[in-house]
Amino acid sequence: MTRKMGHFLFARFSLLLNTYNKVNNIFMEELRFPITKLANERFQVVVDMLLYAKESVTSACYKFTDRFYIHQQTDGGNVIVVFESKDGNAVSDTIVKQFCNELIDQQVRYNTNQQFGHIRDLIVEEAFKPVSK
């Protein structure tokens, strides 16, 4: 691909994306991130329950309970998760971003189990069948 063609494609893509964003009312300056710094070295994450299963949120929270106190509270269609320092472990925005990534990981695991868990159950059942003579 020539340089001129690359610039043309980039400009065309940018125009299409900008048009899509305007039509769908999506503007980067309007995007809200679900992380809020609270007083006393605490952070809050608002989890949209339309995106994540309750089991995924609980599993993601559990991964951080060895280092932080985790509080959960429902608020309409959201779960508010608050991180609080424990045993000198400082809560930072990096930790909370790791939690957001863990949410995605746990949701993928949950979806995979929902879709293919029966196959795992069949394999386990077959593996533990009594041996016939």
N, C-alpha and C. Protein backbone atom coordinates (compact mmCIF):
# COMPACT_ATOMS: atom_id res chain seq x y z
N MET A 1 0.85 -1.17 0.00
CA MET A 1 0.00 0.00 0.00
C MET A 1 0.90 1.24 0.00
N THR A 2 0.55 2.17 -0.81
CA THR A 2 1.34 3.39 -0.88
C THR A 2 1.02 4.30 0.30
N ARG A 3 1.89 5.23 0.53
CA ARG A 3 1.71 6.18 1.63
C ARG A 3 0.46 7.03 1.41
N LYS A 4 0.25 7.42 0.15
CA LYS A 4 -0.91 8.25 -0.18
C LYS A 4 -2.20 7.48 0.09
N MET A 5 -2.21 6.20 -0.28
CA MET A 5 -3.38 5.35 -0.05
C MET A 5 -3.62 5.18 1.45
N GLY A 6 -2.55 5.02 2.23
CA GLY A 6 -2.67 4.89 3.68
C GLY A 6 -3.28 6.13 4.31
N HIS A 7 -2.83 7.30 3.87
CA HIS A 7 -3.41 8.55 4.39
C HIS A 7 -4.88 8.67 4.03
N PHE A 8 -5.21 8.26 2.81
CA PHE A 8 -6.60 8.32 2.37
C PHE A 8 -7.47 7.41 3.23
N LEU A 9 -7.01 6.17 3.47
CA LEU A 9 -7.79 5.23 4.28
C LEU A 9 -7.94 5.72 5.71
N PHE A 10 -6.86 6.28 6.27
CA PHE A 10 -6.93 6.80 7.63
C PHE A 10 -7.93 7.96 7.71
N ALA A 11 -7.87 8.86 6.74
CA ALA A 11 -8.80 10.00 6.73
C ALA A 11 -10.24 9.51 6.58
N ARG A 12 -10.44 8.52 5.74
CA ARG A 12 -11.78 7.97 5.52
C ARG A 12 -12.30 7.30 6.79
N PHE A 13 -11.44 6.53 7.44
CA PHE A 13 -11.82 5.87 8.69
C PHE A 13 -12.16 6.89 9.76
N SER A 14 -11.33 7.92 9.89
CA SER A 14 -11.57 8.97 10.88
C SER A 14 -12.91 9.65 10.64
N LEU A 15 -13.23 9.93 9.38
CA LEU A 15 -14.50 10.56 9.04
C LEU A 15 -15.67 9.65 9.40
N LEU A 16 -15.55 8.35 9.08
CA LEU A 16 -16.61 7.40 9.40
C LEU A 16 -16.80 7.28 10.91
N LEU A 17 -15.71 7.20 11.65
CA LEU A 17 -15.78 7.08 13.10
C LEU A 17 -16.41 8.32 13.72
N ASN A 18 -16.00 9.49 13.24
CA ASN A 18 -16.55 10.74 13.74
C ASN A 18 -18.05 10.81 13.46
N THR A 19 -18.45 10.39 12.27
CA THR A 19 -19.88 10.38 11.91
C THR A 19 -20.64 9.41 12.80
N TYR A 20 -20.08 8.21 13.01
CA TYR A 20 -20.71 7.22 13.89
C TYR A 20 -20.89 7.78 15.29
N ASN A 21 -19.84 8.40 15.81
CA ASN A 21 -19.91 8.95 17.16
C ASN A 21 -20.96 10.05 17.27
N LYS A 22 -21.07 10.90 16.27
CA LYS A 22 -22.06 11.97 16.30
C LYS A 22 -23.47 11.40 16.23
N VAL A 23 -23.68 10.42 15.36
CA VAL A 23 -25.00 9.81 15.21
C VAL A 23 -25.41 9.10 16.48
N ASN A 24 -24.49 8.42 17.12
CA ASN A 24 -24.79 7.65 18.32
C ASN A 24 -24.50 8.40 19.61
N ASN A 25 -24.24 9.70 19.50
CA ASN A 25 -23.98 10.55 20.66
C ASN A 25 -22.87 10.02 21.56
N ILE A 26 -21.80 9.56 20.94
CA ILE A 26 -20.65 9.07 21.69
C ILE A 26 -19.50 10.05 21.48
N PHE A 27 -19.11 10.73 22.51
CA PHE A 27 -18.00 11.65 22.44
C PHE A 27 -17.04 11.32 23.57
N MET A 28 -15.76 11.30 23.28
CA MET A 28 -14.77 10.90 24.28
C MET A 28 -14.85 11.77 25.54
N GLU A 29 -15.12 13.06 25.37
CA GLU A 29 -15.17 13.91 26.55
C GLU A 29 -16.38 13.60 27.42
N GLU A 30 -17.35 12.87 26.89
CA GLU A 30 -18.54 12.52 27.65
C GLU A 30 -18.44 11.16 28.34
N LEU A 31 -17.43 10.37 27.95
CA LEU A 31 -17.28 9.06 28.56
C LEU A 31 -16.93 9.21 30.03
N ARG A 32 -17.61 8.44 30.86
CA ARG A 32 -17.35 8.49 32.30
C ARG A 32 -16.73 7.18 32.72
N PHE A 33 -15.63 7.27 33.44
CA PHE A 33 -15.00 6.08 33.94
C PHE A 33 -15.60 5.77 35.31
N PRO A 34 -15.75 4.50 35.63
CA PRO A 34 -16.48 4.12 36.85
C PRO A 34 -15.65 4.17 38.13
N ILE A 35 -14.49 4.83 38.10
CA ILE A 35 -13.60 4.85 39.25
C ILE A 35 -13.62 6.23 39.90
N THR A 36 -13.80 6.25 41.22
CA THR A 36 -13.80 7.51 41.96
C THR A 36 -12.90 7.38 43.19
N LYS A 37 -12.03 8.36 43.39
CA LYS A 37 -11.20 8.39 44.60
C LYS A 37 -12.03 8.99 45.73
N LEU A 38 -12.07 8.30 46.85
CA LEU A 38 -12.83 8.75 48.02
C LEU A 38 -11.87 9.23 49.10
N ALA A 39 -12.42 9.77 50.16
CA ALA A 39 -11.61 10.20 51.30
C ALA A 39 -10.99 8.98 51.99
N ASN A 40 -9.99 9.23 52.82
CA ASN A 40 -9.34 8.19 53.62
C ASN A 40 -8.71 7.08 52.78
N GLU A 41 -8.09 7.46 51.67
CA GLU A 41 -7.36 6.50 50.83
C GLU A 41 -8.24 5.34 50.36
N ARG A 42 -9.46 5.63 50.00
CA ARG A 42 -10.37 4.60 49.47
C ARG A 42 -10.71 4.94 48.02
N PHE A 43 -11.05 3.89 47.27
CA PHE A 43 -11.50 4.06 45.90
C PHE A 43 -12.84 3.35 45.73
N GLN A 44 -13.64 3.88 44.83
CA GLN A 44 -14.95 3.30 44.55
C GLN A 44 -15.03 2.96 43.06
N VAL A 45 -15.59 1.79 42.76
CA VAL A 45 -15.83 1.39 41.38
C VAL A 45 -17.32 1.10 41.25
N VAL A 46 -17.94 1.69 40.24
CA VAL A 46 -19.35 1.42 39.96
C VAL A 46 -19.40 0.39 38.84
N VAL A 47 -19.96 -0.77 39.13
CA VAL A 47 -20.02 -1.88 38.18
C VAL A 47 -21.44 -1.97 37.63
N ASP A 48 -21.54 -1.89 36.32
CA ASP A 48 -22.83 -1.97 35.63
C ASP A 48 -23.25 -3.44 35.53
N MET A 49 -24.33 -3.79 36.18
CA MET A 49 -24.77 -5.19 36.20
C MET A 49 -25.42 -5.64 34.90
N LEU A 50 -25.58 -4.74 33.94
CA LEU A 50 -25.98 -5.17 32.60
C LEU A 50 -24.80 -5.78 31.85
N LEU A 51 -23.59 -5.46 32.30
CA LEU A 51 -22.38 -5.99 31.66
C LEU A 51 -21.81 -7.21 32.36
N TYR A 52 -21.98 -7.29 33.69
CA TYR A 52 -21.34 -8.33 34.46
C TYR A 52 -22.34 -9.10 35.30
N ALA A 53 -22.11 -10.40 35.42
CA ALA A 53 -22.93 -11.25 36.28
C ALA A 53 -22.49 -11.05 37.73
N LYS A 54 -23.43 -11.26 38.64
CA LYS A 54 -23.15 -11.11 40.07
C LYS A 54 -21.98 -12.00 40.49
N GLU A 55 -21.93 -13.21 39.95
CA GLU A 55 -20.86 -14.15 40.27
C GLU A 55 -19.49 -13.61 39.82
N SER A 56 -19.47 -12.93 38.69
CA SER A 56 -18.21 -12.37 38.19
C SER A 56 -17.70 -11.26 39.09
N VAL A 57 -18.61 -10.43 39.57
CA VAL A 57 -18.22 -9.33 40.46
C VAL A 57 -17.67 -9.90 41.77
N THR A 58 -18.36 -10.88 42.33
CA THR A 58 -17.92 -11.48 43.58
C THR A 58 -16.56 -12.16 43.41
N SER A 59 -16.37 -12.87 42.31
CA SER A 59 -15.09 -13.53 42.05
C SER A 59 -13.96 -12.52 41.90
N ALA A 60 -14.22 -11.43 41.20
CA ALA A 60 -13.20 -10.40 41.03
C ALA A 60 -12.86 -9.76 42.37
N CYS A 61 -13.86 -9.49 43.18
CA CYS A 61 -13.63 -8.91 44.52
C CYS A 61 -12.77 -9.85 45.36
N TYR A 62 -13.08 -11.14 45.31
CA TYR A 62 -12.37 -12.12 46.12
C TYR A 62 -10.86 -12.12 45.84
N LYS A 63 -10.49 -11.88 44.58
CA LYS A 63 -9.07 -11.87 44.21
C LYS A 63 -8.27 -10.79 44.93
N PHE A 64 -8.96 -9.77 45.47
CA PHE A 64 -8.27 -8.66 46.10
C PHE A 64 -8.43 -8.63 47.63
N THR A 65 -9.17 -9.59 48.19
CA THR A 65 -9.45 -9.55 49.62
C THR A 65 -8.24 -9.86 50.49
N ASP A 66 -7.20 -10.45 49.93
CA ASP A 66 -6.00 -10.70 50.73
C ASP A 66 -5.22 -9.41 51.01
N ARG A 67 -5.40 -8.39 50.16
CA ARG A 67 -4.65 -7.14 50.30
C ARG A 67 -5.48 -5.93 50.71
N PHE A 68 -6.82 -6.01 50.48
CA PHE A 68 -7.67 -4.86 50.72
C PHE A 68 -8.99 -5.29 51.34
N TYR A 69 -9.59 -4.36 52.06
CA TYR A 69 -10.98 -4.57 52.50
C TYR A 69 -11.86 -4.18 51.33
N ILE A 70 -12.82 -5.02 51.01
CA ILE A 70 -13.71 -4.77 49.88
C ILE A 70 -15.13 -4.70 50.41
N HIS A 71 -15.82 -3.65 50.05
CA HIS A 71 -17.22 -3.48 50.43
C HIS A 71 -18.05 -3.44 49.16
N GLN A 72 -19.20 -4.13 49.16
CA GLN A 72 -20.11 -4.12 48.01
C GLN A 72 -21.47 -3.61 48.45
N GLN A 73 -22.09 -2.87 47.56
CA GLN A 73 -23.43 -2.35 47.85
C GLN A 73 -24.16 -2.19 46.51
N THR A 74 -25.42 -2.59 46.48
CA THR A 74 -26.19 -2.42 45.25
C THR A 74 -26.79 -1.02 45.20
N ASP A 75 -26.92 -0.52 43.98
CA ASP A 75 -27.52 0.78 43.75
C ASP A 75 -28.24 0.72 42.41
N GLY A 76 -29.51 0.33 42.44
CA GLY A 76 -30.25 0.16 41.19
C GLY A 76 -29.67 -0.97 40.38
N GLY A 77 -29.27 -0.69 39.16
CA GLY A 77 -28.68 -1.70 38.27
C GLY A 77 -27.18 -1.76 38.37
N ASN A 78 -26.61 -1.19 39.42
CA ASN A 78 -25.16 -1.17 39.60
C ASN A 78 -24.78 -1.80 40.93
N VAL A 79 -23.53 -2.21 41.00
CA VAL A 79 -22.95 -2.61 42.28
C VAL A 79 -21.80 -1.65 42.53
N ILE A 80 -21.79 -1.07 43.71
CA ILE A 80 -20.70 -0.16 44.10
C ILE A 80 -19.71 -0.97 44.92
N VAL A 81 -18.47 -1.00 44.45
CA VAL A 81 -17.40 -1.73 45.13
C VAL A 81 -16.42 -0.69 45.67
N VAL A 82 -16.16 -0.75 46.97
CA VAL A 82 -15.24 0.19 47.61
C VAL A 82 -14.02 -0.57 48.10
N PHE A 83 -12.84 -0.07 47.74
CA PHE A 83 -11.56 -0.63 48.17
C PHE A 83 -11.04 0.21 49.32
N GLU A 84 -10.61 -0.46 50.38
CA GLU A 84 -10.06 0.24 51.55
C GLU A 84 -8.73 -0.43 51.92
N SER A 85 -7.78 0.35 52.38
CA SER A 85 -6.46 -0.13 52.74
C SER A 85 -6.55 -1.20 53.83
N LYS A 86 -5.67 -2.20 53.72
CA LYS A 86 -5.60 -3.27 54.71
C LYS A 86 -4.13 -3.62 54.92
N ASP A 87 -3.70 -3.70 56.16
CA ASP A 87 -2.34 -4.10 56.49
C ASP A 87 -1.27 -3.27 55.77
N GLY A 88 -1.51 -1.98 55.63
CA GLY A 88 -0.53 -1.10 55.02
C GLY A 88 -0.48 -1.12 53.50
N ASN A 89 -1.33 -1.90 52.86
CA ASN A 89 -1.38 -1.91 51.40
C ASN A 89 -2.17 -0.69 50.93
N ALA A 90 -1.49 0.21 50.26
CA ALA A 90 -2.14 1.42 49.78
C ALA A 90 -3.00 1.11 48.55
N VAL A 91 -4.18 1.67 48.55
CA VAL A 91 -5.08 1.53 47.40
C VAL A 91 -4.74 2.64 46.42
N SER A 92 -4.54 2.29 45.16
CA SER A 92 -4.23 3.28 44.14
C SER A 92 -5.14 3.06 42.94
N ASP A 93 -5.12 4.01 42.03
CA ASP A 93 -5.94 3.85 40.83
C ASP A 93 -5.45 2.67 40.00
N THR A 94 -4.18 2.33 40.09
CA THR A 94 -3.65 1.16 39.37
C THR A 94 -4.30 -0.13 39.88
N ILE A 95 -4.44 -0.24 41.18
CA ILE A 95 -5.07 -1.42 41.78
C ILE A 95 -6.51 -1.53 41.30
N VAL A 96 -7.20 -0.42 41.29
CA VAL A 96 -8.61 -0.42 40.91
C VAL A 96 -8.75 -0.73 39.42
N LYS A 97 -7.81 -0.27 38.61
CA LYS A 97 -7.82 -0.61 37.18
C LYS A 97 -7.56 -2.11 36.99
N GLN A 98 -6.69 -2.67 37.83
CA GLN A 98 -6.48 -4.12 37.78
C GLN A 98 -7.76 -4.86 38.12
N PHE A 99 -8.52 -4.32 39.08
CA PHE A 99 -9.82 -4.89 39.41
C PHE A 99 -10.75 -4.87 38.21
N CYS A 100 -10.76 -3.77 37.48
CA CYS A 100 -11.61 -3.68 36.28
C CYS A 100 -11.22 -4.74 35.24
N ASN A 101 -9.91 -4.96 35.09
CA ASN A 101 -9.46 -6.02 34.18
C ASN A 101 -9.86 -7.40 34.71
N GLU A 102 -9.78 -7.57 36.02
CA GLU A 102 -10.18 -8.85 36.62
C GLU A 102 -11.66 -9.10 36.42
N LEU A 103 -12.47 -8.04 36.45
CA LEU A 103 -13.90 -8.18 36.16
C LEU A 103 -14.13 -8.78 34.78
N ILE A 104 -13.40 -8.26 33.81
CA ILE A 104 -13.53 -8.78 32.44
C ILE A 104 -13.12 -10.25 32.40
N ASP A 105 -11.99 -10.56 33.03
CA ASP A 105 -11.51 -11.94 33.06
C ASP A 105 -12.55 -12.88 33.68
N GLN A 106 -13.10 -12.48 34.81
CA GLN A 106 -14.09 -13.32 35.49
C GLN A 106 -15.37 -13.45 34.68
N GLN A 107 -15.75 -12.40 33.95
CA GLN A 107 -16.96 -12.48 33.13
C GLN A 107 -16.75 -13.42 31.95
N VAL A 108 -15.55 -13.40 31.37
CA VAL A 108 -15.24 -14.34 30.28
C VAL A 108 -15.28 -15.77 30.80
N ARG A 109 -14.73 -16.00 31.99
CA ARG A 109 -14.78 -17.34 32.59
C ARG A 109 -16.23 -17.77 32.85
N TYR A 110 -17.02 -16.85 33.35
CA TYR A 110 -18.43 -17.14 33.62
C TYR A 110 -19.16 -17.48 32.31
N ASN A 111 -18.95 -16.67 31.28
CA ASN A 111 -19.60 -16.93 29.99
C ASN A 111 -19.16 -18.27 29.40
N THR A 112 -17.87 -18.57 29.51
CA THR A 112 -17.35 -19.84 28.98
C THR A 112 -17.96 -21.02 29.73
N ASN A 113 -18.07 -20.90 31.04
CA ASN A 113 -18.69 -21.96 31.83
C ASN A 113 -20.16 -22.13 31.47
N GLN A 114 -20.87 -21.03 31.28
CA GLN A 114 -22.28 -21.11 30.90
C GLN A 114 -22.43 -21.81 29.56
N GLN A 115 -21.52 -21.52 28.64
CA GLN A 115 -21.62 -22.06 27.29
C GLN A 115 -21.09 -23.49 27.18
N PHE A 116 -19.99 -23.80 27.87
CA PHE A 116 -19.32 -25.08 27.67
C PHE A 116 -19.19 -25.91 28.94
N GLY A 117 -19.77 -25.49 30.05
CA GLY A 117 -19.63 -26.21 31.31
C GLY A 117 -20.15 -27.64 31.25
N HIS A 118 -21.18 -27.85 30.44
CA HIS A 118 -21.74 -29.20 30.31
C HIS A 118 -20.72 -30.17 29.71
N ILE A 119 -19.85 -29.67 28.84
CA ILE A 119 -18.82 -30.53 28.24
C ILE A 119 -17.83 -30.97 29.32
N ARG A 120 -17.43 -30.03 30.18
CA ARG A 120 -16.53 -30.37 31.29
C ARG A 120 -17.18 -31.43 32.18
N ASP A 121 -18.48 -31.27 32.45
CA ASP A 121 -19.18 -32.22 33.30
C ASP A 121 -19.21 -33.61 32.67
N LEU A 122 -19.39 -33.69 31.35
CA LEU A 122 -19.37 -34.99 30.66
C LEU A 122 -17.99 -35.64 30.74
N ILE A 123 -16.95 -34.84 30.60
CA ILE A 123 -15.58 -35.38 30.68
C ILE A 123 -15.30 -35.91 32.08
N VAL A 124 -15.68 -35.16 33.10
CA VAL A 124 -15.46 -35.61 34.48
C VAL A 124 -16.27 -36.87 34.77
N GLU A 125 -17.50 -36.90 34.30
CA GLU A 125 -18.35 -38.08 34.49
C GLU A 125 -17.72 -39.32 33.84
N GLU A 126 -17.22 -39.15 32.62
CA GLU A 126 -16.59 -40.27 31.91
C GLU A 126 -15.29 -40.69 32.62
N ALA A 127 -14.53 -39.76 33.14
CA ALA A 127 -13.27 -40.08 33.79
C ALA A 127 -13.47 -40.85 35.08
N PHE A 128 -14.58 -40.63 35.76
CA PHE A 128 -14.79 -41.29 37.05
C PHE A 128 -15.80 -42.44 36.98
N LYS A 129 -16.13 -42.89 35.78
CA LYS A 129 -17.00 -44.07 35.66
C LYS A 129 -16.25 -45.28 36.17
N PRO A 130 -16.98 -46.21 36.77
CA PRO A 130 -16.33 -47.45 37.20
C PRO A 130 -15.79 -48.22 35.99
N VAL A 131 -14.66 -48.86 36.18
CA VAL A 131 -14.05 -49.66 35.13
C VAL A 131 -14.78 -50.99 35.06
N SER A 132 -15.25 -51.33 33.86
CA SER A 132 -15.94 -52.63 33.71
C SER A 132 -14.93 -53.68 33.25
N LYS A 133 -15.17 -54.94 33.67
CA LYS A 133 -14.25 -56.02 33.34
C LYS A 133 -14.61 -56.68 32.06
